[in-house]
Amino acid sequence: MTKKKALLLDLVREKPVHLTAEQIFLLAKERSPGISMATVYNNLGALSHEGLIRRVHIDGQADRYDRTVEPHEHFICDECGEIRDIFFHGFTEELAKRLGERISSYELNVRGVCAACQRS
C-alpha cells in the first residue's frame, strides 16, 4: 500500500464521522502538502473497492466515507445533517428470506430529525 493510500485510510479510520472526499483532502494536505484531489479520489475509490472503507451515497449530497465496513444502515438528520451508523441485526437475512433472493449488498438510509434537534 502506498504512503498516500495508507494516510487516507488512517484519516477515515481516525474520525468517528462520515467525511466527504473534500474534507479528507483538506486533512490529508495538513500531513502531505503535495497530495492532489485526484489522488484522494482515486485512492478512496480503491480503498472502497478493496473493502477497507465504505462509500456512502446520499441523494443530493457529496458521497461520504465510513470507517465501519460491516453491514449497517445510516440515520441522516434532516435538520443538522448528522449521519450516524445504525445497526439492524439480522436485517440482511430477513430481507433475503422475504425476497427469496441472495443479497450481496444494500444501502439503507433512514431520514428524520435526531434527538438533539428535537430538543432544540
C-alpha atoms as a PDB file:
ATOM      1  CA  MET A   1       0.000   0.000   0.000  1.00  0.00           C
ATOM      2  CA  THR A   2       1.366   3.425  -0.926  1.00  0.00           C
ATOM      3  CA  LYS A   3       2.039   6.022   1.758  1.00  0.00           C
ATOM      4  CA  LYS A   4      -0.721   8.297   0.477  1.00  0.00           C
ATOM      5  CA  LYS A   5      -3.248   5.480   0.342  1.00  0.00           C
ATOM      6  CA  ALA A   6      -2.302   4.471   3.909  1.00  0.00           C
ATOM      7  CA  LEU A   7      -2.656   8.099   5.009  1.00  0.00           C
ATOM      8  CA  LEU A   8      -6.170   8.334   3.591  1.00  0.00           C
ATOM      9  CA  LEU A   9      -7.145   5.050   5.222  1.00  0.00           C
ATOM     10  CA  ASP A  10      -5.813   6.319   8.563  1.00  0.00           C
ATOM     11  CA  LEU A  11      -7.742   9.590   8.224  1.00  0.00           C
ATOM     12  CA  VAL A  12     -11.033   7.803   7.548  1.00  0.00           C
ATOM     13  CA  ARG A  13     -10.437   5.350  10.396  1.00  0.00           C
ATOM     14  CA  GLU A  14      -9.445   8.098  12.870  1.00  0.00           C
ATOM     15  CA  LYS A  15     -12.662  10.060  12.537  1.00  0.00           C
ATOM     16  CA  PRO A  16     -15.959   8.875  14.045  1.00  0.00           C
ATOM     17  CA  VAL A  17     -17.873  10.913  11.448  1.00  0.00           C
ATOM     18  CA  HIS A  18     -18.594  10.243   7.776  1.00  0.00           C
ATOM     19  CA  LEU A  19     -16.249  12.560   5.877  1.00  0.00           C
ATOM     20  CA  THR A  20     -16.558  13.781   2.301  1.00  0.00           C
ATOM     21  CA  ALA A  21     -13.640  13.438  -0.128  1.00  0.00           C
ATOM     22  CA  GLU A  22     -13.074  17.191   0.166  1.00  0.00           C
ATOM     23  CA  GLN A  23     -12.868  17.010   3.967  1.00  0.00           C
ATOM     24  CA  ILE A  24     -10.434  14.094   3.688  1.00  0.00           C
ATOM     25  CA  PHE A  25      -8.386  16.047   1.136  1.00  0.00           C
ATOM     26  CA  LEU A  26      -8.093  19.040   3.494  1.00  0.00           C
ATOM     27  CA  LEU A  27      -6.997  16.800   6.376  1.00  0.00           C
ATOM     28  CA  ALA A  28      -4.531  14.968   4.122  1.00  0.00           C
ATOM     29  CA  LYS A  29      -2.965  18.264   2.941  1.00  0.00           C
ATOM     30  CA  GLU A  30      -2.020  19.007   6.555  1.00  0.00           C
ATOM     31  CA  ARG A  31       0.114  15.851   6.656  1.00  0.00           C
ATOM     32  CA  SER A  32       1.111  15.607   2.992  1.00  0.00           C
ATOM     33  CA  PRO A  33       1.032  19.087   1.399  1.00  0.00           C
ATOM     34  CA  GLY A  34       1.699  17.792  -2.128  1.00  0.00           C
ATOM     35  CA  ILE A  35      -1.306  15.468  -2.264  1.00  0.00           C
ATOM     36  CA  SER A  36      -3.796  16.176  -5.050  1.00  0.00           C
ATOM     37  CA  MET A  37      -7.573  15.871  -5.103  1.00  0.00           C
ATOM     38  CA  ALA A  38      -7.265  13.304  -7.905  1.00  0.00           C
ATOM     39  CA  THR A  39      -5.025  11.167  -5.690  1.00  0.00           C
ATOM     40  CA  VAL A  40      -7.608  11.389  -2.913  1.00  0.00           C
ATOM     41  CA  TYR A  41     -10.486  10.375  -5.200  1.00  0.00           C
ATOM     42  CA  ASN A  42      -8.518   7.544  -6.827  1.00  0.00           C
ATOM     43  CA  ASN A  43      -7.351   6.106  -3.520  1.00  0.00           C
ATOM     44  CA  LEU A  44     -10.723   6.433  -1.797  1.00  0.00           C
ATOM     45  CA  GLY A  45     -12.222   4.532  -4.717  1.00  0.00           C
ATOM     46  CA  ALA A  46      -9.585   1.826  -4.409  1.00  0.00           C
ATOM     47  CA  LEU A  47      -9.996   1.582  -0.622  1.00  0.00           C
ATOM     48  CA  SER A  48     -13.766   1.254  -1.058  1.00  0.00           C
ATOM     49  CA  HIS A  49     -13.341  -1.381  -3.756  1.00  0.00           C
ATOM     50  CA  GLU A  50     -10.942  -3.330  -1.518  1.00  0.00           C
ATOM     51  CA  GLY A  51     -13.473  -3.260   1.326  1.00  0.00           C
ATOM     52  CA  LEU A  52     -11.249  -1.292   3.690  1.00  0.00           C
ATOM     53  CA  ILE A  53     -13.693   1.619   3.919  1.00  0.00           C
ATOM     54  CA  ARG A  54     -17.280   2.077   2.789  1.00  0.00           C
ATOM     55  CA  ARG A  55     -18.531   4.749   0.418  1.00  0.00           C
ATOM     56  CA  VAL A  56     -21.949   6.057   1.425  1.00  0.00           C
ATOM     57  CA  HIS A  57     -24.155   7.621  -1.239  1.00  0.00           C
ATOM     58  CA  ILE A  58     -26.744  10.127  -0.037  1.00  0.00           C
ATOM     59  CA  ASP A  59     -29.052  11.676  -2.627  1.00  0.00           C
ATOM     60  CA  GLY A  60     -28.345  15.358  -3.157  1.00  0.00           C
ATOM     61  CA  GLN A  61     -25.103  15.330  -1.149  1.00  0.00           C
ATOM     62  CA  ALA A  62     -21.456  14.502  -1.696  1.00  0.00           C
ATOM     63  CA  ASP A  63     -20.558  10.871  -1.073  1.00  0.00           C
ATOM     64  CA  ARG A  64     -19.238  10.162   2.406  1.00  0.00           C
ATOM     65  CA  TYR A  65     -16.646   7.649   3.552  1.00  0.00           C
ATOM     66  CA  ASP A  66     -17.269   5.357   6.503  1.00  0.00           C
ATOM     67  CA  ARG A  67     -14.716   3.500   8.582  1.00  0.00           C
ATOM     68  CA  THR A  68     -17.285   0.838   9.505  1.00  0.00           C
ATOM     69  CA  VAL A  69     -17.399  -1.734   6.726  1.00  0.00           C
ATOM     70  CA  GLU A  70     -19.592  -4.354   8.366  1.00  0.00           C
ATOM     71  CA  PRO A  71     -23.212  -4.324   7.150  1.00  0.00           C
ATOM     72  CA  HIS A  72     -25.140  -1.452   8.683  1.00  0.00           C
ATOM     73  CA  GLU A  73     -27.504   1.368   7.863  1.00  0.00           C
ATOM     74  CA  HIS A  74     -27.381   5.149   8.332  1.00  0.00           C
ATOM     75  CA  PHE A  75     -29.601   7.690  10.047  1.00  0.00           C
ATOM     76  CA  ILE A  76     -29.462  11.158   8.474  1.00  0.00           C
ATOM     77  CA  CYS A  77     -30.851  14.133  10.367  1.00  0.00           C
ATOM     78  CA  ASP A  78     -32.839  16.463   8.108  1.00  0.00           C
ATOM     79  CA  GLU A  79     -32.140  19.396  10.451  1.00  0.00           C
ATOM     80  CA  CYS A  80     -28.407  19.303  11.295  1.00  0.00           C
ATOM     81  CA  GLY A  81     -27.202  16.840   8.640  1.00  0.00           C
ATOM     82  CA  GLU A  82     -25.615  14.434  11.116  1.00  0.00           C
ATOM     83  CA  ILE A  83     -25.015  10.972   9.665  1.00  0.00           C
ATOM     84  CA  ARG A  84     -24.937   8.173  12.206  1.00  0.00           C
ATOM     85  CA  ASP A  85     -24.432   4.424  11.874  1.00  0.00           C
ATOM     86  CA  ILE A  86     -27.376   2.281  12.933  1.00  0.00           C
ATOM     87  CA  PHE A  87     -27.486  -1.485  13.114  1.00  0.00           C
ATOM     88  CA  PHE A  88     -30.499  -3.693  12.455  1.00  0.00           C
ATOM     89  CA  HIS A  89     -29.017  -7.081  13.311  1.00  0.00           C
ATOM     90  CA  GLY A  90     -30.373  -9.865  11.141  1.00  0.00           C
ATOM     91  CA  PHE A  91     -31.792  -7.412   8.576  1.00  0.00           C
ATOM     92  CA  THR A  92     -29.911  -8.900   5.618  1.00  0.00           C
ATOM     93  CA  GLU A  93     -31.050 -12.413   6.463  1.00  0.00           C
ATOM     94  CA  GLU A  94     -34.659 -11.307   6.948  1.00  0.00           C
ATOM     95  CA  LEU A  95     -34.617  -9.367   3.686  1.00  0.00           C
ATOM     96  CA  ALA A  96     -33.180 -12.347   1.793  1.00  0.00           C
ATOM     97  CA  LYS A  97     -35.783 -14.638   3.341  1.00  0.00           C
ATOM     98  CA  ARG A  98     -38.694 -12.346   2.430  1.00  0.00           C
ATOM     99  CA  LEU A  99     -37.450 -11.767  -1.118  1.00  0.00           C
ATOM    100  CA  GLY A 100     -36.349 -15.322  -1.725  1.00  0.00           C
ATOM    101  CA  GLU A 101     -33.123 -13.905  -3.153  1.00  0.00           C
ATOM    102  CA  ARG A 102     -29.469 -13.934  -2.168  1.00  0.00           C
ATOM    103  CA  ILE A 103     -28.437 -10.437  -1.024  1.00  0.00           C
ATOM    104  CA  SER A 104     -24.896  -9.357  -1.902  1.00  0.00           C
ATOM    105  CA  SER A 105     -25.207  -5.772  -0.655  1.00  0.00           C
ATOM    106  CA  TYR A 106     -27.676  -2.998   0.019  1.00  0.00           C
ATOM    107  CA  GLU A 107     -27.807   0.609   1.187  1.00  0.00           C
ATOM    108  CA  LEU A 108     -30.439   1.892   3.571  1.00  0.00           C
ATOM    109  CA  ASN A 109     -30.526   5.499   4.684  1.00  0.00           C
ATOM    110  CA  VAL A 110     -33.154   6.435   7.238  1.00  0.00           C
ATOM    111  CA  ARG A 111     -34.012  10.143   7.331  1.00  0.00           C
ATOM    112  CA  GLY A 112     -35.602  12.065  10.179  1.00  0.00           C
ATOM    113  CA  VAL A 113     -34.845  14.523  12.965  1.00  0.00           C
ATOM    114  CA  CYS A 114     -32.257  13.478  15.553  1.00  0.00           C
ATOM    115  CA  ALA A 115     -32.934  13.652  19.281  1.00  0.00           C
ATOM    116  CA  ALA A 116     -30.712  16.721  19.758  1.00  0.00           C
ATOM    117  CA  CYS A 117     -32.572  18.697  17.076  1.00  0.00           C
ATOM    118  CA  GLN A 118     -35.919  17.626  18.503  1.00  0.00           C
ATOM    119  CA  ARG A 119     -34.905  19.135  21.867  1.00  0.00           C
ATOM    120  CA  SER A 120     -33.882  22.443  20.226  1.00  0.00           C
END
